[in-house]
Amino acid sequence: MSDRELLVERLESVLEWLERIPRRFEGVSRPEDFRAGAEGLDRLDAICMMLIAAGEEFKKIDRKTGGTLFSRYPDVNWRGAIGLRDVMAHGYPDADTDELFKICRDNVPPLIATLRAMIEDLKHGPA
């Protein structure tokens, strides 16, 4: 398997994880919903896990590509996505539900769209 094929495979995995977030975010109409009972906490847990996993994989991909891949897609705050992993992994009990709500609503959909574009570019772009 080529480096490009491996990169596409890794990005497709991250895309699959992140595509779960909008479904898990359904029914959350305000940040407080994340702490409102078992269902809200389950949503919080699931979303945080996907963000942690994605951030960790972004960190590995960035290292592997020497920062060149993500720099071609400047509309995403890649440093923020990678840094969010660290914040969530080390400070989960204190997760800021206001911030998480904004991330799910405002950042995840364009991130998903960008990952789809990246995958297509890698599959069909110049070798």
C-alpha atoms as a PDB file:
ATOM      1  CA  MET A   1       0.000   0.000   0.000  1.00  0.00           C
ATOM      2  CA  SER A   2       1.392   3.386  -0.989  1.00  0.00           C
ATOM      3  CA  ASP A   3       1.788   6.295   1.407  1.00  0.00           C
ATOM      4  CA  ARG A   4      -1.049   8.058  -0.400  1.00  0.00           C
ATOM      5  CA  GLU A   5      -3.350   5.053  -0.069  1.00  0.00           C
ATOM      6  CA  LEU A   6      -2.506   4.756   3.616  1.00  0.00           C
ATOM      7  CA  LEU A   7      -3.191   8.453   4.111  1.00  0.00           C
ATOM      8  CA  VAL A   8      -6.560   8.139   2.366  1.00  0.00           C
ATOM      9  CA  GLU A   9      -7.416   5.158   4.554  1.00  0.00           C
ATOM     10  CA  ARG A  10      -6.551   7.106   7.716  1.00  0.00           C
ATOM     11  CA  LEU A  11      -8.555  10.136   6.608  1.00  0.00           C
ATOM     12  CA  GLU A  12     -11.525   7.931   5.749  1.00  0.00           C
ATOM     13  CA  SER A  13     -11.399   6.492   9.275  1.00  0.00           C
ATOM     14  CA  VAL A  14     -11.397   9.963  10.795  1.00  0.00           C
ATOM     15  CA  LEU A  15     -14.250  10.984   8.514  1.00  0.00           C
ATOM     16  CA  GLU A  16     -16.262   7.977   9.661  1.00  0.00           C
ATOM     17  CA  TRP A  17     -15.717   8.941  13.308  1.00  0.00           C
ATOM     18  CA  LEU A  18     -16.617  12.581  12.762  1.00  0.00           C
ATOM     19  CA  GLU A  19     -19.734  11.709  10.763  1.00  0.00           C
ATOM     20  CA  ARG A  20     -21.119  10.118  13.933  1.00  0.00           C
ATOM     21  CA  ILE A  21     -21.074  13.453  15.736  1.00  0.00           C
ATOM     22  CA  PRO A  22     -24.011  15.159  13.951  1.00  0.00           C
ATOM     23  CA  ARG A  23     -26.201  12.134  14.648  1.00  0.00           C
ATOM     24  CA  ARG A  24     -25.198  12.131  18.309  1.00  0.00           C
ATOM     25  CA  PHE A  25     -25.666  15.894  18.450  1.00  0.00           C
ATOM     26  CA  GLU A  26     -29.284  15.644  17.270  1.00  0.00           C
ATOM     27  CA  GLY A  27     -31.611  16.631  20.060  1.00  0.00           C
ATOM     28  CA  VAL A  28     -29.025  18.856  21.729  1.00  0.00           C
ATOM     29  CA  SER A  29     -30.498  22.315  21.478  1.00  0.00           C
ATOM     30  CA  ARG A  30     -28.423  24.024  24.152  1.00  0.00           C
ATOM     31  CA  PRO A  31     -25.147  23.312  25.958  1.00  0.00           C
ATOM     32  CA  GLU A  32     -26.927  22.303  29.169  1.00  0.00           C
ATOM     33  CA  ASP A  33     -28.450  19.316  27.335  1.00  0.00           C
ATOM     34  CA  PHE A  34     -25.065  17.578  27.563  1.00  0.00           C
ATOM     35  CA  ARG A  35     -25.367  17.422  31.352  1.00  0.00           C
ATOM     36  CA  ALA A  36     -29.124  16.796  31.507  1.00  0.00           C
ATOM     37  CA  GLY A  37     -29.450  13.174  32.549  1.00  0.00           C
ATOM     38  CA  ALA A  38     -27.940   9.937  31.354  1.00  0.00           C
ATOM     39  CA  GLU A  39     -28.788  10.485  27.682  1.00  0.00           C
ATOM     40  CA  GLY A  40     -27.050  13.862  27.624  1.00  0.00           C
ATOM     41  CA  LEU A  41     -23.989  12.478  29.356  1.00  0.00           C
ATOM     42  CA  ASP A  42     -23.889   9.560  26.918  1.00  0.00           C
ATOM     43  CA  ARG A  43     -23.924  12.044  24.040  1.00  0.00           C
ATOM     44  CA  LEU A  44     -21.161  14.046  25.702  1.00  0.00           C
ATOM     45  CA  ASP A  45     -19.047  10.917  26.210  1.00  0.00           C
ATOM     46  CA  ALA A  46     -19.533   9.708  22.648  1.00  0.00           C
ATOM     47  CA  ILE A  47     -18.822  13.067  21.018  1.00  0.00           C
ATOM     48  CA  CYS A  48     -15.757  13.708  23.167  1.00  0.00           C
ATOM     49  CA  MET A  49     -14.375  10.274  22.304  1.00  0.00           C
ATOM     50  CA  MET A  50     -14.731  10.940  18.582  1.00  0.00           C
ATOM     51  CA  LEU A  51     -13.059  14.357  18.925  1.00  0.00           C
ATOM     52  CA  ILE A  52     -10.200  12.846  20.927  1.00  0.00           C
ATOM     53  CA  ALA A  53      -9.684  10.074  18.367  1.00  0.00           C
ATOM     54  CA  ALA A  54      -9.825  12.517  15.448  1.00  0.00           C
ATOM     55  CA  GLY A  55      -7.404  14.938  17.089  1.00  0.00           C
ATOM     56  CA  GLU A  56      -4.939  12.151  17.796  1.00  0.00           C
ATOM     57  CA  GLU A  57      -5.090  10.958  14.196  1.00  0.00           C
ATOM     58  CA  PHE A  58      -4.717  14.531  12.911  1.00  0.00           C
ATOM     59  CA  LYS A  59      -1.586  14.859  15.030  1.00  0.00           C
ATOM     60  CA  LYS A  60      -0.133  11.672  13.501  1.00  0.00           C
ATOM     61  CA  ILE A  61      -1.068  12.695   9.961  1.00  0.00           C
ATOM     62  CA  ASP A  62       0.428  16.152  10.430  1.00  0.00           C
ATOM     63  CA  ARG A  63       3.670  14.602  11.663  1.00  0.00           C
ATOM     64  CA  LYS A  64       3.736  12.050   8.834  1.00  0.00           C
ATOM     65  CA  THR A  65       3.155  14.705   6.144  1.00  0.00           C
ATOM     66  CA  GLY A  66       5.475  17.269   7.683  1.00  0.00           C
ATOM     67  CA  GLY A  67       2.632  19.755   7.996  1.00  0.00           C
ATOM     68  CA  THR A  68       2.181  19.997   4.228  1.00  0.00           C
ATOM     69  CA  LEU A  69      -1.209  18.324   3.856  1.00  0.00           C
ATOM     70  CA  PHE A  70      -3.193  20.431   6.297  1.00  0.00           C
ATOM     71  CA  SER A  71      -1.594  23.656   5.104  1.00  0.00           C
ATOM     72  CA  ARG A  72      -3.384  23.113   1.763  1.00  0.00           C
ATOM     73  CA  TYR A  73      -6.734  23.377   3.582  1.00  0.00           C
ATOM     74  CA  PRO A  74      -6.469  26.607   5.578  1.00  0.00           C
ATOM     75  CA  ASP A  75     -10.204  26.956   6.219  1.00  0.00           C
ATOM     76  CA  VAL A  76      -9.889  24.472   9.084  1.00  0.00           C
ATOM     77  CA  ASN A  77      -8.153  25.364  12.320  1.00  0.00           C
ATOM     78  CA  TRP A  78      -5.998  22.219  12.375  1.00  0.00           C
ATOM     79  CA  ARG A  79      -3.993  23.360  15.414  1.00  0.00           C
ATOM     80  CA  GLY A  80      -7.277  23.819  17.246  1.00  0.00           C
ATOM     81  CA  ALA A  81      -8.518  20.362  16.237  1.00  0.00           C
ATOM     82  CA  ILE A  82      -5.274  18.767  17.388  1.00  0.00           C
ATOM     83  CA  GLY A  83      -5.194  20.845  20.567  1.00  0.00           C
ATOM     84  CA  LEU A  84      -8.786  19.970  21.373  1.00  0.00           C
ATOM     85  CA  ARG A  85      -7.685  16.355  21.655  1.00  0.00           C
ATOM     86  CA  ASP A  86      -5.251  17.301  24.406  1.00  0.00           C
ATOM     87  CA  VAL A  87      -7.805  19.412  26.252  1.00  0.00           C
ATOM     88  CA  MET A  88     -10.443  16.677  26.096  1.00  0.00           C
ATOM     89  CA  ALA A  89      -8.092  13.838  26.951  1.00  0.00           C
ATOM     90  CA  HIS A  90      -6.551  15.574  29.951  1.00  0.00           C
ATOM     91  CA  GLY A  91      -9.487  17.633  31.180  1.00  0.00           C
ATOM     92  CA  TYR A  92     -12.593  15.690  30.241  1.00  0.00           C
ATOM     93  CA  PRO A  93     -14.314  15.992  33.645  1.00  0.00           C
ATOM     94  CA  ASP A  94     -14.152  19.757  33.224  1.00  0.00           C
ATOM     95  CA  ALA A  95     -15.316  19.766  29.594  1.00  0.00           C
ATOM     96  CA  ASP A  96     -16.761  23.141  28.654  1.00  0.00           C
ATOM     97  CA  THR A  97     -20.183  22.227  27.302  1.00  0.00           C
ATOM     98  CA  ASP A  98     -20.686  25.722  25.859  1.00  0.00           C
ATOM     99  CA  GLU A  99     -17.535  25.299  23.790  1.00  0.00           C
ATOM    100  CA  LEU A 100     -18.371  21.718  22.841  1.00  0.00           C
ATOM    101  CA  PHE A 101     -21.825  22.826  21.696  1.00  0.00           C
ATOM    102  CA  LYS A 102     -20.258  25.490  19.438  1.00  0.00           C
ATOM    103  CA  ILE A 103     -17.737  22.999  18.056  1.00  0.00           C
ATOM    104  CA  CYS A 104     -20.465  20.489  17.186  1.00  0.00           C
ATOM    105  CA  ARG A 105     -22.693  23.148  15.636  1.00  0.00           C
ATOM    106  CA  ASP A 106     -20.124  25.350  13.900  1.00  0.00           C
ATOM    107  CA  ASN A 107     -16.888  23.428  13.345  1.00  0.00           C
ATOM    108  CA  VAL A 108     -17.709  19.779  12.797  1.00  0.00           C
ATOM    109  CA  PRO A 109     -19.845  20.177   9.621  1.00  0.00           C
ATOM    110  CA  PRO A 110     -17.190  22.170   7.702  1.00  0.00           C
ATOM    111  CA  LEU A 111     -14.489  19.817   8.996  1.00  0.00           C
ATOM    112  CA  ILE A 112     -16.418  16.859   7.580  1.00  0.00           C
ATOM    113  CA  ALA A 113     -16.767  18.653   4.240  1.00  0.00           C
ATOM    114  CA  THR A 114     -13.053  19.457   4.176  1.00  0.00           C
ATOM    115  CA  LEU A 115     -12.101  15.854   4.938  1.00  0.00           C
ATOM    116  CA  ARG A 116     -14.296  14.677   2.068  1.00  0.00           C
ATOM    117  CA  ALA A 117     -12.556  17.154  -0.256  1.00  0.00           C
ATOM    118  CA  MET A 118      -9.126  16.072   0.982  1.00  0.00           C
ATOM    119  CA  ILE A 119      -9.917  12.427   0.341  1.00  0.00           C
ATOM    120  CA  GLU A 120     -11.175  13.182  -3.155  1.00  0.00           C
ATOM    121  CA  ASP A 121      -8.113  15.324  -3.902  1.00  0.00           C
ATOM    122  CA  LEU A 122      -5.799  12.540  -2.731  1.00  0.00           C
ATOM    123  CA  LYS A 123      -7.671   9.880  -4.700  1.00  0.00           C
ATOM    124  CA  HIS A 124      -7.913  11.839  -7.922  1.00  0.00           C
ATOM    125  CA  GLY A 125      -5.181  14.451  -7.747  1.00  0.00           C
ATOM    126  CA  PRO A 126      -1.684  14.315  -9.215  1.00  0.00           C
ATOM    127  CA  ALA A 127       0.510  11.533  -7.866  1.00  0.00           C
END
